[in-house]
Amino acid sequence: MVNGNIGCTFIGIRNFRCSKRLNVFLRFTLIIAIICMNLFTGQMNAKAAMNVTAVPAVPDTDTQVSLKWTSVAGASYYDIYKDGQLIYTIDVGKDLNYTSYIDTACEPETTYHYEVQALDSQGTELERGSASVTTSKMLAPSNLTSVFDVNTRQITLKWVNRSAAAAKSVIKRVDGTETYTVDDGSNEYTFDGPPPDDNTPLKYVVMSKDISEQHSSPDSNVAVVVPIQPPTISAMMGNGTATISWGSYPHISYFALERSKWDGSGWSDWETVYYSLTGGSAKDTPSEAGAYRYRLAAKDGSGYAGYSNISDNVSKPAAPSNLKFEILNPTQVKITWENNPDNTCDLMVQRRTGSSGTYSTIAILRLSEQEYIDTYNFTLNTIYYYRIVAYDNDNNKSISVECP
């Protein structure tokens, strides 16, 4: 009995101690389980961050940033923040592009931090995301071209301002001897070139600056200006064809030949006769009678502007028409005709005796006259022929048909 009680007591105490240890272990295990469940539940309930990207916008990589983000379920609005300041709110129901935005209010070589917040219809935040970006260096001007005026010897430079931040343009001669500042935002500038006796080639570049001059661009492409002298021409007419000469002028390929016609009260507009010229002269055969003048004009896109001198006018006579005659009496014959309205020359009345005779001039008349009475001791039973010759001071002629 005693040994049995003692054994039971020992066993009971051990069980009691074991039960106490088990209870502590179970409590500890329960606490760990609760913590794990809470962590798991928290992870399940946490909002996934939006994927936001920010890159310099092409082609305006120095002044614009392109933002894009993933669409969020249930989002009615997206608030866009730039360096902590709200800059725009996108309405999913109204905006065409509701998962992208172009920020056009940026400066070159500047880092910006953007944050996009997705909101439901009540304005409750659903998700957010952020991104940072640095804009590029100020874009250089492009397509710099030059035009040299052979008459005024002025240089005109034109270029394309590629940067939206460009408020000023600085024109620099490559050798550093000249600098011009254009501060009105334009992309064209004209300035005096070298003196007439200096035909040294010149090189220019253009760079852009912002309004505060804190940012500047690289240089543009180089424009080369080669000053030249204007050409000098002369013209002469022979047998209805004008020959226009300029000698051994080495830059004739930059010029086109133009012609103007006298219309009775003034000179007509210039028209191009030949666009491509070579050698030292060109020939032109006008289709109509009249007085003409010529000049050389610099071609568009040639890098030059201006003109040669204007030639002296040359004329292409046209023969009078509808020639008639009337015998007034044995010693008088009346000849009538019609003058070409384009003529600017004088007239000769010519007569010959018989079919084998030669013509002789019997009168010199002004162009305005259209009849003549020939007083002559005519021989009976003899045929006399008449014709009218239109001619100019350079001995260019046009002869009418003869009238027996």
Protein backbone atom coordinates (compact mmCIF):
# COMPACT_ATOMS: atom_id res chain seq x y z
CA MET A 1 0.00 0.00 0.00
CA VAL A 2 2.67 2.40 1.01
CA ASN A 3 4.78 1.60 -2.04
CA GLY A 4 1.73 1.91 -4.25
CA ASN A 5 0.77 5.37 -2.86
CA ILE A 6 4.28 6.53 -3.21
CA GLY A 7 4.34 5.40 -6.88
CA CYS A 8 1.03 7.13 -7.63
CA THR A 9 2.17 10.34 -6.05
CA PHE A 10 5.36 10.34 -8.10
CA ILE A 11 3.46 9.63 -11.26
CA GLY A 12 0.92 12.32 -10.56
CA ILE A 13 3.53 14.96 -9.90
CA ARG A 14 5.35 14.08 -13.12
CA ASN A 15 2.12 14.25 -15.10
CA PHE A 16 1.31 17.56 -13.56
CA ARG A 17 4.70 18.94 -14.49
CA CYS A 18 4.39 17.52 -18.00
CA SER A 19 0.92 19.00 -18.43
CA LYS A 20 2.22 22.42 -17.37
CA ARG A 21 5.06 22.29 -19.87
CA LEU A 22 2.68 21.20 -22.61
CA ASN A 23 0.35 24.05 -21.84
CA VAL A 24 3.17 26.58 -22.17
CA PHE A 25 4.28 25.01 -25.43
CA LEU A 26 0.77 25.06 -26.83
CA ARG A 27 0.31 28.68 -25.90
CA PHE A 28 3.61 29.64 -27.56
CA THR A 29 2.67 27.68 -30.66
CA LEU A 30 -0.71 29.38 -30.78
CA ILE A 31 0.86 32.82 -30.56
CA ILE A 32 3.26 32.02 -33.43
CA ALA A 33 0.37 30.71 -35.51
CA ILE A 34 -1.67 33.85 -34.88
CA ILE A 35 1.27 36.05 -35.91
CA CYS A 36 1.80 34.06 -39.09
CA MET A 37 -1.89 34.20 -39.91
CA ASN A 38 -1.92 37.95 -39.40
CA LEU A 39 1.11 38.38 -41.62
CA PHE A 40 -0.42 36.19 -44.30
CA THR A 41 -3.74 38.00 -44.04
CA GLY A 42 -1.96 41.35 -44.25
CA GLN A 43 -0.13 40.28 -47.35
CA MET A 44 -3.36 39.15 -48.89
CA ASN A 45 -5.03 42.48 -48.09
CA ALA A 46 -2.05 44.77 -49.16
CA LYS A 47 -2.47 46.84 -52.42
CA ALA A 48 -0.02 46.05 -55.22
CA ALA A 49 1.95 49.12 -56.28
CA MET A 50 1.19 50.55 -59.77
CA ASN A 51 3.85 50.14 -62.42
CA VAL A 52 4.80 53.69 -63.49
CA THR A 53 7.44 54.51 -66.12
CA ALA A 54 8.85 57.94 -66.95
CA VAL A 55 11.13 58.62 -69.94
CA PRO A 56 12.08 61.73 -71.95
CA ALA A 57 9.45 62.20 -74.65
CA VAL A 58 10.63 61.83 -78.24
CA PRO A 59 11.41 64.07 -80.07
CA ASP A 60 11.37 66.75 -77.35
CA THR A 61 13.61 64.83 -74.99
CA ASP A 62 14.90 68.01 -73.32
CA THR A 63 11.57 69.62 -72.42
CA GLN A 64 8.96 66.84 -72.24
CA VAL A 65 8.49 63.66 -70.20
CA SER A 66 6.31 60.69 -71.20
CA LEU A 67 4.51 58.95 -68.30
CA LYS A 68 2.79 55.56 -68.58
CA TRP A 69 1.20 53.30 -65.96
CA THR A 70 -0.83 50.12 -65.65
CA SER A 71 -4.60 50.35 -65.56
CA VAL A 72 -6.10 49.85 -62.08
CA ALA A 73 -9.43 48.03 -61.64
CA GLY A 74 -12.13 50.35 -60.33
CA ALA A 75 -10.12 53.53 -60.96
CA SER A 76 -12.12 56.56 -62.08
CA TYR A 77 -9.34 59.12 -61.78
CA TYR A 78 -5.55 59.29 -61.83
CA ASP A 79 -3.82 62.14 -60.00
CA ILE A 80 -0.37 62.99 -61.36
CA TYR A 81 2.14 64.62 -59.04
CA LYS A 82 5.42 66.21 -60.08
CA ASP A 83 7.93 66.78 -57.29
CA GLY A 84 5.05 66.64 -54.81
CA GLN A 85 2.77 69.06 -56.67
CA LEU A 86 -0.45 67.97 -58.36
CA ILE A 87 -0.11 68.86 -62.05
CA TYR A 88 -3.02 67.03 -63.66
CA THR A 89 -6.03 64.82 -62.95
CA ILE A 90 -7.10 62.32 -65.59
CA ASP A 91 -10.80 61.46 -65.82
CA VAL A 92 -11.09 57.89 -67.10
CA GLY A 93 -14.57 58.63 -68.45
CA LYS A 94 -13.51 61.71 -70.43
CA ASP A 95 -9.83 61.56 -71.35
CA LEU A 96 -8.79 59.66 -74.48
CA ASN A 97 -5.47 58.53 -73.01
CA TYR A 98 -6.08 57.55 -69.41
CA THR A 99 -2.97 55.47 -68.74
CA SER A 100 -0.43 57.94 -70.13
CA TYR A 101 0.45 61.62 -69.91
CA ILE A 102 2.96 63.98 -71.54
CA ASP A 103 4.42 66.64 -69.28
CA THR A 104 5.42 69.54 -71.53
CA ALA A 105 6.59 71.89 -68.78
CA CYS A 106 10.11 70.61 -68.23
CA GLU A 107 13.58 72.06 -68.47
CA PRO A 108 16.69 70.54 -70.02
CA GLU A 109 19.08 68.46 -67.90
CA THR A 110 16.70 68.38 -64.94
CA THR A 111 15.62 65.41 -62.77
CA TYR A 112 11.92 65.11 -61.91
CA HIS A 113 10.08 62.70 -59.55
CA TYR A 114 6.56 61.69 -60.54
CA GLU A 115 3.85 59.89 -58.57
CA VAL A 116 0.57 58.60 -59.96
CA GLN A 117 -2.37 57.81 -57.65
CA ALA A 118 -5.37 55.75 -58.77
CA LEU A 119 -8.67 56.90 -57.20
CA ASP A 120 -12.15 55.41 -57.24
CA SER A 121 -15.28 57.42 -57.98
CA GLN A 122 -15.41 58.64 -54.36
CA GLY A 123 -11.81 59.83 -54.42
CA THR A 124 -10.50 56.95 -52.31
CA GLU A 125 -6.98 55.91 -53.18
CA LEU A 126 -6.71 52.46 -54.67
CA GLU A 127 -3.06 52.25 -55.68
CA ARG A 128 -0.05 54.46 -56.33
CA GLY A 129 3.29 54.25 -58.12
CA SER A 130 6.26 56.50 -58.79
CA ALA A 131 9.20 57.01 -61.14
CA SER A 132 12.03 59.49 -61.69
CA VAL A 133 13.56 60.75 -64.93
CA THR A 134 16.21 63.21 -66.12
CA THR A 135 15.64 65.23 -69.30
CA SER A 136 18.33 65.42 -71.96
CA LYS A 137 20.69 68.28 -72.73
CA MET A 138 19.12 71.13 -74.68
CA LEU A 139 18.61 70.04 -78.29
CA ALA A 140 20.87 71.69 -80.87
CA PRO A 141 19.42 73.67 -83.78
CA SER A 142 19.38 71.80 -87.10
CA ASN A 143 19.23 72.41 -90.85
CA LEU A 144 21.36 75.55 -90.76
CA THR A 145 21.51 77.03 -94.28
CA SER A 146 22.98 80.20 -95.71
CA VAL A 147 22.14 82.57 -98.56
CA PHE A 148 24.60 85.14 -99.87
CA ASP A 149 23.11 88.11 -101.75
CA VAL A 150 25.48 88.96 -104.60
CA ASN A 151 24.08 92.50 -104.87
CA THR A 152 23.92 93.63 -101.22
CA ARG A 153 26.64 91.18 -100.05
CA GLN A 154 24.50 90.35 -97.04
CA ILE A 155 24.35 86.89 -95.47
CA THR A 156 21.07 85.34 -94.34
CA LEU A 157 21.16 82.30 -92.07
CA LYS A 158 18.12 80.10 -91.44
CA TRP A 159 17.78 77.19 -89.04
CA VAL A 160 15.28 75.02 -87.14
CA ASN A 161 14.96 75.51 -83.38
CA ARG A 162 14.51 71.95 -82.15
CA SER A 163 14.23 72.81 -78.46
CA ALA A 164 10.97 74.21 -77.10
CA ALA A 165 13.08 75.95 -74.46
CA ALA A 166 15.01 77.95 -77.06
CA ALA A 167 14.47 81.65 -76.40
CA LYS A 168 17.72 82.96 -77.85
CA SER A 169 19.99 81.92 -80.69
CA VAL A 170 23.68 82.70 -80.82
CA ILE A 171 25.31 82.81 -84.27
CA LYS A 172 29.02 82.18 -84.18
CA ARG A 173 31.62 82.37 -86.89
CA VAL A 174 33.72 79.24 -86.54
CA ASP A 175 36.98 81.18 -86.35
CA GLY A 176 35.56 83.18 -83.43
CA THR A 177 35.71 86.62 -85.05
CA GLU A 178 31.95 87.24 -85.18
CA THR A 179 29.03 86.61 -82.82
CA TYR A 180 25.39 87.66 -83.21
CA THR A 181 22.56 87.11 -80.71
CA VAL A 182 18.97 86.68 -81.87
CA ASP A 183 16.75 87.14 -78.81
CA ASP A 184 13.27 87.34 -80.38
CA GLY A 185 12.83 83.59 -80.83
CA SER A 186 13.11 83.75 -84.61
CA ASN A 187 15.05 81.28 -86.72
CA GLU A 188 16.41 83.65 -89.35
CA TYR A 189 18.97 86.44 -89.26
CA THR A 190 20.55 88.71 -91.88
CA PHE A 191 23.80 90.57 -91.43
CA ASP A 192 26.45 92.28 -93.54
CA GLY A 193 28.96 90.05 -95.25
CA PRO A 194 32.52 90.79 -96.33
CA PRO A 195 33.51 93.76 -98.52
CA PRO A 196 33.39 93.39 -102.33
CA ASP A 197 37.07 92.56 -102.65
CA ASP A 198 36.95 89.72 -100.10
CA ASN A 199 35.71 86.36 -101.36
CA THR A 200 37.12 84.26 -98.52
CA PRO A 201 34.82 81.33 -97.55
CA LEU A 202 33.14 81.75 -94.15
CA LYS A 203 31.79 79.13 -91.73
CA TYR A 204 28.98 79.66 -89.21
CA VAL A 205 27.16 77.63 -86.51
CA VAL A 206 24.15 78.38 -84.29
CA MET A 207 23.46 77.37 -80.69
CA SER A 208 20.29 77.78 -78.57
CA LYS A 209 19.87 79.19 -75.07
CA ASP A 210 16.87 79.26 -72.75
CA ILE A 211 15.42 82.53 -71.47
CA SER A 212 17.48 82.47 -68.28
CA GLU A 213 20.62 81.36 -70.16
CA GLN A 214 21.06 78.56 -67.63
CA HIS A 215 20.93 75.96 -70.39
CA SER A 216 22.55 75.96 -73.81
CA SER A 217 22.63 73.50 -76.66
CA PRO A 218 25.50 72.03 -78.66
CA ASP A 219 26.33 73.75 -81.94
CA SER A 220 24.29 73.15 -85.07
CA ASN A 221 25.68 71.86 -88.33
CA VAL A 222 28.16 74.15 -90.09
CA ALA A 223 26.96 76.48 -92.86
CA VAL A 224 29.62 77.50 -95.38
CA VAL A 225 29.28 80.86 -97.16
CA VAL A 226 31.35 81.50 -100.29
CA PRO A 227 31.05 85.17 -101.33
CA ILE A 228 31.02 85.76 -105.10
CA GLN A 229 30.70 88.72 -107.46
CA PRO A 230 27.50 89.20 -109.49
CA PRO A 231 27.69 88.23 -113.16
CA THR A 232 27.65 90.80 -115.97
CA ILE A 233 25.80 90.05 -119.20
CA SER A 234 25.18 91.50 -122.66
CA ALA A 235 22.61 90.62 -125.32
CA MET A 236 22.32 91.00 -129.07
CA MET A 237 19.69 89.91 -131.58
CA GLY A 238 20.42 88.41 -134.97
CA ASN A 239 17.93 86.82 -137.37
CA GLY A 240 15.33 86.58 -134.63
CA THR A 241 17.63 84.84 -132.13
CA ALA A 242 19.07 86.58 -129.09
CA THR A 243 22.56 85.71 -127.85
CA ILE A 244 23.12 86.43 -124.16
CA SER A 245 26.75 86.36 -123.02
CA TRP A 246 28.45 86.46 -119.60
CA GLY A 247 31.98 85.42 -120.49
CA SER A 248 34.00 83.07 -118.30
CA TYR A 249 31.92 83.57 -115.15
CA PRO A 250 32.80 80.57 -112.91
CA HIS A 251 29.58 80.42 -110.91
CA ILE A 252 27.03 80.33 -113.73
CA SER A 253 25.52 77.04 -112.48
CA TYR A 254 23.96 78.96 -109.57
CA PHE A 255 21.97 81.20 -111.93
CA ALA A 256 19.04 80.94 -114.34
CA LEU A 257 18.39 83.08 -117.43
CA GLU A 258 15.27 85.27 -117.33
CA ARG A 259 13.52 87.34 -120.01
CA SER A 260 11.07 90.25 -119.99
CA LYS A 261 9.06 91.67 -122.92
CA TRP A 262 7.92 95.22 -123.61
CA ASP A 263 4.10 95.34 -123.79
CA GLY A 264 3.70 98.85 -125.14
CA SER A 265 3.43 100.59 -121.78
CA GLY A 266 5.88 98.73 -119.56
CA TRP A 267 7.98 95.63 -119.10
CA SER A 268 6.30 92.31 -118.37
CA ASP A 269 7.15 90.10 -115.41
CA TRP A 270 10.35 88.13 -115.68
CA GLU A 271 10.06 84.57 -116.94
CA THR A 272 12.68 81.83 -116.82
CA VAL A 273 14.13 80.94 -120.21
CA TYR A 274 16.87 78.51 -119.12
CA TYR A 275 17.25 77.02 -115.65
CA SER A 276 20.51 75.18 -116.27
CA LEU A 277 23.34 77.18 -117.80
CA THR A 278 26.85 76.22 -118.87
CA GLY A 279 29.62 77.84 -120.86
CA GLY A 280 29.79 81.55 -121.54
CA SER A 281 26.53 82.26 -123.38
CA ALA A 282 23.02 81.10 -124.24
CA LYS A 283 20.69 81.63 -127.19
CA ASP A 284 17.00 82.46 -127.08
CA THR A 285 14.56 82.62 -129.98
CA PRO A 286 11.36 84.36 -128.89
CA SER A 287 8.23 83.13 -130.59
CA GLU A 288 6.77 86.63 -130.94
CA ALA A 289 8.02 89.90 -132.30
CA GLY A 290 8.87 92.67 -129.87
CA ALA A 291 11.53 94.13 -127.63
CA TYR A 292 13.16 91.92 -125.01
CA ARG A 293 15.64 92.28 -122.18
CA TYR A 294 17.50 89.64 -120.16
CA ARG A 295 19.10 89.05 -116.77
CA LEU A 296 20.58 86.23 -114.68
CA ALA A 297 18.80 85.38 -111.42
CA ALA A 298 20.24 83.29 -108.59
CA LYS A 299 18.34 80.02 -108.25
CA ASP A 300 16.32 79.16 -105.15
CA GLY A 301 18.24 76.69 -103.05
CA SER A 302 21.57 77.58 -104.64
CA GLY A 303 22.86 79.39 -101.56
CA TYR A 304 22.76 82.69 -103.40
CA ALA A 305 20.32 85.53 -104.07
CA GLY A 306 20.34 88.53 -106.38
CA TYR A 307 20.74 89.29 -110.06
CA SER A 308 23.14 90.26 -112.78
CA ASN A 309 22.80 93.57 -114.57
CA ILE A 310 19.87 93.90 -117.01
CA SER A 311 20.95 93.75 -120.64
CA ASP A 312 20.17 96.45 -123.17
CA ASN A 313 16.88 95.64 -124.85
CA VAL A 314 16.99 93.83 -128.17
CA SER A 315 14.16 93.59 -130.66
CA LYS A 316 12.76 90.95 -132.92
CA PRO A 317 10.92 92.72 -135.75
CA ALA A 318 7.79 91.29 -137.34
CA ALA A 319 6.89 92.04 -140.92
CA PRO A 320 3.81 94.15 -141.61
CA SER A 321 0.89 92.22 -143.06
CA ASN A 322 -2.08 92.70 -145.40
CA LEU A 323 -0.05 94.76 -147.86
CA LYS A 324 -2.16 96.47 -150.58
CA PHE A 325 -1.66 99.09 -153.26
CA GLU A 326 -3.91 101.44 -155.23
CA ILE A 327 -3.07 103.43 -158.40
CA LEU A 328 -4.26 106.97 -157.78
CA ASN A 329 -3.04 108.41 -161.07
CA PRO A 330 -0.22 107.82 -163.58
CA THR A 331 2.32 109.28 -161.15
CA GLN A 332 0.99 108.18 -157.74
CA VAL A 333 0.52 104.80 -156.06
CA LYS A 334 -0.90 104.39 -152.56
CA ILE A 335 0.44 101.47 -150.44
CA THR A 336 -1.28 100.39 -147.19
CA TRP A 337 -0.44 97.72 -144.60
CA GLU A 338 -1.02 96.59 -141.03
CA ASN A 339 1.74 96.79 -138.44
CA ASN A 340 2.43 94.08 -135.86
CA PRO A 341 1.41 95.50 -132.45
CA ASP A 342 4.49 93.92 -130.82
CA ASN A 343 6.93 95.78 -133.03
CA THR A 344 9.12 98.52 -131.57
CA CYS A 345 11.14 99.25 -134.71
CA ASP A 346 10.93 101.52 -137.75
CA LEU A 347 9.80 100.79 -141.32
CA MET A 348 11.33 100.97 -144.76
CA VAL A 349 9.23 101.18 -147.92
CA GLN A 350 11.01 99.47 -150.80
CA ARG A 351 10.26 99.28 -154.53
CA ARG A 352 11.65 97.43 -157.49
CA THR A 353 11.01 97.62 -161.20
CA GLY A 354 10.13 94.43 -163.02
CA SER A 355 10.52 90.87 -161.86
CA SER A 356 14.29 90.89 -162.22
CA GLY A 357 15.06 94.22 -160.60
CA THR A 358 16.45 94.84 -157.14
CA TYR A 359 14.67 96.55 -154.29
CA SER A 360 15.62 100.07 -153.30
CA THR A 361 14.45 101.99 -150.25
CA ILE A 362 12.17 104.89 -151.15
CA ALA A 363 11.03 105.94 -147.66
CA ILE A 364 11.81 105.59 -143.94
CA LEU A 365 8.71 105.69 -141.75
CA ARG A 366 7.80 105.51 -138.10
CA LEU A 367 6.18 102.36 -136.82
CA SER A 368 2.88 104.15 -136.31
CA GLU A 369 2.44 104.84 -140.03
CA GLN A 370 0.39 102.39 -142.09
CA GLU A 371 0.25 103.96 -145.55
CA TYR A 372 2.50 105.65 -148.05
CA ILE A 373 1.90 107.43 -151.38
CA ASP A 374 4.66 106.84 -153.88
CA THR A 375 5.05 109.69 -156.34
CA TYR A 376 7.13 108.52 -159.28
CA ASN A 377 7.44 108.86 -163.02
CA PHE A 378 6.02 105.43 -163.71
CA THR A 379 6.55 103.81 -167.10
CA LEU A 380 3.50 102.45 -168.85
CA ASN A 381 3.16 98.69 -169.20
CA THR A 382 5.76 98.13 -166.48
CA ILE A 383 5.17 96.09 -163.33
CA TYR A 384 6.34 97.62 -160.05
CA TYR A 385 6.72 95.67 -156.82
CA TYR A 386 6.52 96.98 -153.25
CA ARG A 387 7.39 95.58 -149.83
CA ILE A 388 7.63 96.91 -146.27
CA VAL A 389 10.63 96.08 -144.07
CA ALA A 390 10.49 96.30 -140.27
CA TYR A 391 13.99 96.91 -138.90
CA ASP A 392 15.85 98.11 -135.81
CA ASN A 393 19.11 99.91 -135.12
CA ASP A 394 21.00 96.60 -134.93
CA ASN A 395 19.89 95.88 -138.50
CA ASN A 396 17.50 93.11 -137.48
CA LYS A 397 14.89 92.90 -140.22
CA SER A 398 11.62 91.27 -141.09
CA ILE A 399 10.27 91.69 -144.62
CA SER A 400 6.65 91.58 -145.71
CA VAL A 401 5.41 89.74 -148.73
CA GLU A 402 5.73 91.79 -151.90
CA CYS A 403 2.80 93.39 -153.60
CA PRO A 404 2.88 93.81 -157.41
